[in-house]
N, C-alpha and C. Protein backbone atom coordinates (compact mmCIF):
# COMPACT_ATOMS: atom_id res chain seq x y z
N MET A 1 -39.43 170.82 94.28
CA MET A 1 -39.18 171.77 95.35
C MET A 1 -39.42 173.29 94.76
N ILE A 2 -40.12 173.97 95.36
CA ILE A 2 -40.44 175.23 95.55
C ILE A 2 -39.46 175.88 96.19
N GLN A 3 -38.83 176.78 95.90
CA GLN A 3 -37.90 177.65 96.55
C GLN A 3 -38.33 179.07 96.70
N ALA A 4 -38.44 180.03 97.58
CA ALA A 4 -38.75 181.16 97.45
C ALA A 4 -37.88 182.02 97.97
N VAL A 5 -37.59 183.55 97.04
CA VAL A 5 -36.58 184.40 97.03
C VAL A 5 -37.28 185.18 97.39
N LYS A 6 -36.86 186.69 98.23
CA LYS A 6 -37.74 187.77 98.66
C LYS A 6 -36.46 188.57 98.60
N GLN A 7 -36.76 189.76 97.73
CA GLN A 7 -35.98 190.74 97.30
C GLN A 7 -36.61 192.03 96.79
N GLN A 8 -36.32 193.24 97.64
CA GLN A 8 -36.66 194.34 97.32
C GLN A 8 -35.76 194.77 96.84
N THR A 9 -36.13 196.15 95.54
CA THR A 9 -35.08 196.70 94.51
C THR A 9 -36.23 198.01 94.15
N ILE A 10 -35.47 198.99 93.15
CA ILE A 10 -35.89 199.72 92.99
C ILE A 10 -36.18 200.03 91.57
N VAL A 11 -37.44 200.37 91.05
CA VAL A 11 -37.41 200.23 89.37
C VAL A 11 -36.08 201.41 88.67
N GLY A 12 -35.01 201.00 88.15
CA GLY A 12 -34.39 202.01 87.34
C GLY A 12 -35.02 202.41 86.22
N LYS A 13 -33.78 203.18 85.57
CA LYS A 13 -34.15 203.83 84.26
C LYS A 13 -35.09 202.95 83.15
N ASP A 14 -36.06 203.28 82.55
CA ASP A 14 -36.52 202.48 81.65
C ASP A 14 -37.68 201.50 81.83
N GLY A 15 -37.80 201.15 83.21
CA GLY A 15 -38.28 200.11 84.07
C GLY A 15 -37.91 198.75 84.13
N GLU A 16 -36.51 198.83 84.10
CA GLU A 16 -35.54 198.00 84.42
C GLU A 16 -35.58 197.77 85.71
N ILE A 17 -35.59 196.16 86.43
CA ILE A 17 -35.69 195.59 87.15
C ILE A 17 -34.06 194.76 87.08
N LYS A 18 -33.42 194.81 88.44
CA LYS A 18 -32.22 194.03 88.79
C LYS A 18 -32.79 192.89 89.74
N LEU A 19 -32.47 191.45 89.82
CA LEU A 19 -32.32 190.88 90.94
C LEU A 19 -31.41 190.04 90.72
N ASN A 20 -30.77 189.63 91.61
CA ASN A 20 -29.40 188.93 91.83
C ASN A 20 -30.11 187.75 92.81
N THR A 21 -29.95 186.53 91.99
CA THR A 21 -29.87 184.97 92.23
C THR A 21 -28.94 184.20 92.10
N PRO A 22 -27.84 184.24 92.63
CA PRO A 22 -26.70 183.41 92.54
C PRO A 22 -26.95 181.72 92.99
N GLN A 23 -27.87 181.74 94.09
CA GLN A 23 -28.60 180.61 94.19
C GLN A 23 -29.11 179.88 93.08
N PHE A 24 -29.22 180.19 91.94
CA PHE A 24 -30.03 179.58 90.76
C PHE A 24 -29.11 179.29 89.86
N SER A 25 -28.55 178.13 88.72
CA SER A 25 -27.58 178.19 88.09
C SER A 25 -28.53 179.02 86.43
N GLU A 26 -28.03 179.09 85.75
CA GLU A 26 -27.88 179.86 84.24
C GLU A 26 -28.77 179.09 83.74
N GLY A 27 -29.93 179.20 83.31
CA GLY A 27 -31.09 178.45 82.63
C GLY A 27 -32.26 178.18 83.14
N THR A 28 -32.44 178.42 84.42
CA THR A 28 -33.03 177.88 85.65
C THR A 28 -34.90 178.50 85.32
N ALA A 29 -35.67 178.01 84.64
CA ALA A 29 -37.01 178.64 84.85
C ALA A 29 -37.53 179.09 86.03
N ILE A 30 -37.61 180.23 86.20
CA ILE A 30 -38.34 181.00 87.63
C ILE A 30 -39.71 181.70 86.71
N GLU A 31 -40.24 181.87 88.05
CA GLU A 31 -41.64 182.72 87.79
C GLU A 31 -41.47 183.94 88.78
N ILE A 32 -41.99 185.25 88.39
CA ILE A 32 -41.41 186.56 89.17
C ILE A 32 -42.83 187.01 89.61
N ILE A 33 -43.28 187.07 90.59
CA ILE A 33 -44.39 187.99 91.32
C ILE A 33 -43.86 189.82 91.94
N ILE A 34 -44.14 190.46 91.02
CA ILE A 34 -43.95 191.80 91.53
C ILE A 34 -45.09 192.49 92.57
N LEU A 35 -44.79 192.74 93.42
CA LEU A 35 -45.76 193.49 94.50
C LEU A 35 -45.04 194.88 95.03
N VAL A 36 -46.24 195.64 94.72
CA VAL A 36 -45.84 197.01 94.59
C VAL A 36 -46.75 197.87 95.47
N ASN A 37 -45.99 198.56 96.83
CA ASN A 37 -46.44 199.11 97.73
C ASN A 37 -47.64 200.26 97.31
N SER A 38 -47.29 201.25 96.49
CA SER A 38 -48.44 201.99 95.73
C SER A 38 -48.30 201.69 94.22
N ILE A 39 -49.63 201.43 93.71
CA ILE A 39 -49.35 201.36 92.32
C ILE A 39 -50.30 202.26 91.19
N PRO A 40 -49.26 203.15 90.73
CA PRO A 40 -49.55 204.35 89.89
C PRO A 40 -50.22 203.64 88.67
N GLU A 41 -51.55 204.33 88.36
CA GLU A 41 -51.98 203.80 87.04
C GLU A 41 -51.08 203.36 86.23
N ASP A 42 -50.05 203.93 85.63
CA ASP A 42 -49.11 203.98 84.58
C ASP A 42 -48.54 202.36 84.73
N THR A 43 -48.24 201.90 86.10
CA THR A 43 -47.62 200.91 86.45
C THR A 43 -48.03 199.49 86.07
N THR A 44 -49.48 199.55 85.98
CA THR A 44 -50.46 198.08 85.14
C THR A 44 -50.20 198.54 84.16
N GLU A 45 -49.92 199.25 83.27
CA GLU A 45 -50.05 199.31 82.51
C GLU A 45 -48.64 198.88 81.44
N PHE A 46 -47.89 199.37 82.18
CA PHE A 46 -46.44 199.34 81.80
C PHE A 46 -46.11 197.63 81.94
N LEU A 47 -46.66 197.15 83.13
CA LEU A 47 -46.36 195.73 83.67
C LEU A 47 -47.27 194.78 82.50
N ARG A 48 -48.46 195.25 81.58
CA ARG A 48 -49.07 194.52 80.79
C ARG A 48 -48.61 194.56 79.62
N ALA A 49 -47.63 195.86 79.37
CA ALA A 49 -46.90 195.59 77.98
C ALA A 49 -45.79 195.04 77.96
N LEU A 50 -45.33 194.64 78.95
CA LEU A 50 -44.43 193.51 78.97
C LEU A 50 -44.64 192.26 78.53
N ASP A 51 -43.63 191.83 77.35
CA ASP A 51 -44.19 190.54 76.70
C ASP A 51 -43.77 189.27 77.66
N PHE A 52 -43.25 189.54 78.67
CA PHE A 52 -42.53 188.05 79.77
C PHE A 52 -43.94 187.93 80.52
N VAL A 53 -44.77 189.25 81.32
CA VAL A 53 -45.83 189.28 82.24
C VAL A 53 -47.16 188.54 81.58
N ASN A 54 -47.44 187.38 82.43
CA ASN A 54 -48.75 186.39 82.02
C ASN A 54 -49.93 187.04 82.14
N SER A 55 -50.01 188.09 83.76
CA SER A 55 -51.48 188.73 83.93
C SER A 55 -50.81 189.48 84.96
N VAL A 56 -51.60 190.50 85.32
CA VAL A 56 -51.80 191.71 86.07
C VAL A 56 -52.59 191.60 86.71
N GLU A 57 -52.78 191.37 88.65
CA GLU A 57 -54.10 191.47 89.24
C GLU A 57 -53.68 192.36 90.44
N ILE A 58 -54.55 193.38 90.93
CA ILE A 58 -54.96 194.36 92.16
C ILE A 58 -55.57 193.92 92.59
N ARG A 59 -55.21 193.52 93.87
CA ARG A 59 -55.76 193.64 94.87
C ARG A 59 -55.76 194.30 96.12
N GLU A 60 -57.09 194.62 96.66
CA GLU A 60 -57.26 195.51 97.63
C GLU A 60 -57.76 194.69 98.97
N GLU A 61 -57.04 194.80 99.93
CA GLU A 61 -57.38 193.53 101.35
C GLU A 61 -57.47 194.90 102.50
N LYS A 62 -58.45 195.06 102.66
CA LYS A 62 -59.03 195.75 103.72
C LYS A 62 -59.11 194.76 104.67
N LEU A 63 -58.78 195.57 106.27
CA LEU A 63 -58.51 194.84 107.64
C LEU A 63 -60.36 195.13 107.85
N ASN A 64 -60.56 194.20 108.67
CA ASN A 64 -62.22 194.28 109.24
C ASN A 64 -62.46 194.78 110.78
N ILE A 65 -61.24 195.06 111.36
CA ILE A 65 -61.57 195.39 113.02
C ILE A 65 -61.37 196.41 112.74
N SER A 66 -62.93 196.50 113.44
CA SER A 66 -63.20 198.23 113.51
C SER A 66 -63.09 198.70 114.95
N GLN A 67 -63.26 198.13 116.08
CA GLN A 67 -62.80 198.37 117.21
C GLN A 67 -61.99 197.48 117.47
N GLU A 68 -61.45 198.06 119.04
CA GLU A 68 -60.23 197.15 119.94
C GLU A 68 -61.33 196.49 120.29
N GLU A 69 -62.04 196.21 120.71
CA GLU A 69 -62.63 195.26 121.61
C GLU A 69 -63.00 194.01 120.55
N ASP A 70 -63.07 194.06 119.13
CA ASP A 70 -63.39 193.02 118.15
C ASP A 70 -61.91 192.06 118.76
N PHE A 71 -60.90 192.72 118.72
CA PHE A 71 -59.92 191.79 118.78
C PHE A 71 -59.73 190.80 120.23
N PHE A 72 -59.98 191.72 121.02
CA PHE A 72 -60.32 190.89 122.22
C PHE A 72 -61.50 190.13 122.42
N GLN A 73 -62.70 189.76 121.51
CA GLN A 73 -63.32 188.45 121.68
C GLN A 73 -62.75 187.60 121.46
N LEU A 74 -61.64 187.17 120.77
CA LEU A 74 -60.61 185.88 120.72
C LEU A 74 -60.24 185.79 121.96
N ALA A 75 -60.03 186.38 122.71
CA ALA A 75 -59.16 185.56 123.75
C ALA A 75 -59.52 184.48 124.05
N GLY A 76 -58.99 183.68 124.48
CA GLY A 76 -58.82 181.89 125.07
C GLY A 76 -59.65 181.23 123.77
N LEU A 77 -59.53 181.70 122.86
CA LEU A 77 -60.01 180.78 121.74
C LEU A 77 -59.63 179.42 121.47
N TRP A 78 -58.36 179.48 122.12
CA TRP A 78 -57.63 178.15 122.16
C TRP A 78 -57.56 177.78 123.71
N GLU A 79 -57.97 178.25 124.60
CA GLU A 79 -58.35 177.52 126.00
C GLU A 79 -58.46 176.24 125.96
N ASN A 80 -57.84 175.23 126.53
CA ASN A 80 -58.42 174.14 126.79
C ASN A 80 -58.24 172.87 125.73
N ARG A 81 -56.75 173.57 125.15
CA ARG A 81 -56.54 173.00 123.80
C ARG A 81 -55.26 172.23 123.85
N ASP A 82 -55.05 170.90 123.33
CA ASP A 82 -53.58 170.66 123.77
C ASP A 82 -52.81 170.73 122.45
N LEU A 83 -52.05 171.42 123.05
CA LEU A 83 -51.39 172.59 121.65
C LEU A 83 -49.92 172.10 122.04
N THR A 84 -49.15 172.18 121.35
CA THR A 84 -47.79 172.04 121.84
C THR A 84 -47.12 172.18 119.91
N THR A 85 -45.63 172.78 120.44
CA THR A 85 -44.95 173.40 118.82
C THR A 85 -45.12 171.96 118.36
N GLU A 86 -44.72 170.53 118.90
CA GLU A 86 -44.81 169.55 117.91
C GLU A 86 -45.96 169.34 117.24
N SER A 87 -47.29 169.18 117.93
CA SER A 87 -48.33 168.85 117.33
C SER A 87 -48.70 169.82 115.88
N ILE A 88 -48.35 170.84 116.67
CA ILE A 88 -48.83 171.87 115.06
C ILE A 88 -47.89 171.56 114.42
N ARG A 89 -46.53 171.11 114.01
CA ARG A 89 -46.10 170.88 113.37
C ARG A 89 -46.29 169.56 112.32
N GLN A 90 -46.63 168.98 112.95
CA GLN A 90 -47.51 167.49 112.43
C GLN A 90 -48.56 167.65 111.75
N GLU A 91 -49.47 168.68 112.19
CA GLU A 91 -50.54 169.02 110.95
C GLU A 91 -50.18 169.97 110.06
N ALA A 92 -49.44 170.86 110.23
CA ALA A 92 -48.80 171.95 109.39
C ALA A 92 -48.59 170.95 108.00
N TRP A 93 -47.49 169.88 108.54
CA TRP A 93 -46.74 169.08 107.33
C TRP A 93 -47.45 167.51 106.71
N LYS A 94 -49.18 167.64 106.96
CA LYS A 94 -49.41 166.73 106.76
C LYS A 94 -49.54 166.30 105.12
N THR A 95 -49.13 165.13 104.54
CA THR A 95 -49.03 164.99 103.37
C THR A 95 -50.35 164.69 102.54
N GLY A 96 -51.42 164.29 103.56
CA GLY A 96 -52.43 163.90 102.65
C GLY A 96 -52.76 162.18 102.71
N GLU A 97 -51.61 161.64 103.05
CA GLU A 97 -51.61 160.10 103.20
C GLU A 97 -52.64 160.06 104.45
N LYS A 98 -53.29 158.69 104.19
CA LYS A 98 -54.56 158.23 105.01
C LYS A 98 -53.84 157.20 106.21
N SER A 99 -54.38 157.43 107.14
CA SER A 99 -53.63 156.44 108.19
C SER A 99 -54.10 155.12 108.53
């Protein structure tokens, strides 16, 4: 089972990053994904230099909402649909089993 932990921290002296994870026992294998709000060029070089970092990928995501009108064109999208919190949960947690 995958567990997720979200923490915010500040990079310390010599690039040290400290994480507090008392919920995991010693020796537990974990994968760390580092998200940086602003990426100076030397940050990616630093991350690539770390022997435990497999890859560094920089994504720039842009929102394509140019005008307020674009947002309101979606109004009524779910109108006349039988949606309940239970039906949404059932759809979200489908396991791929055939009925």
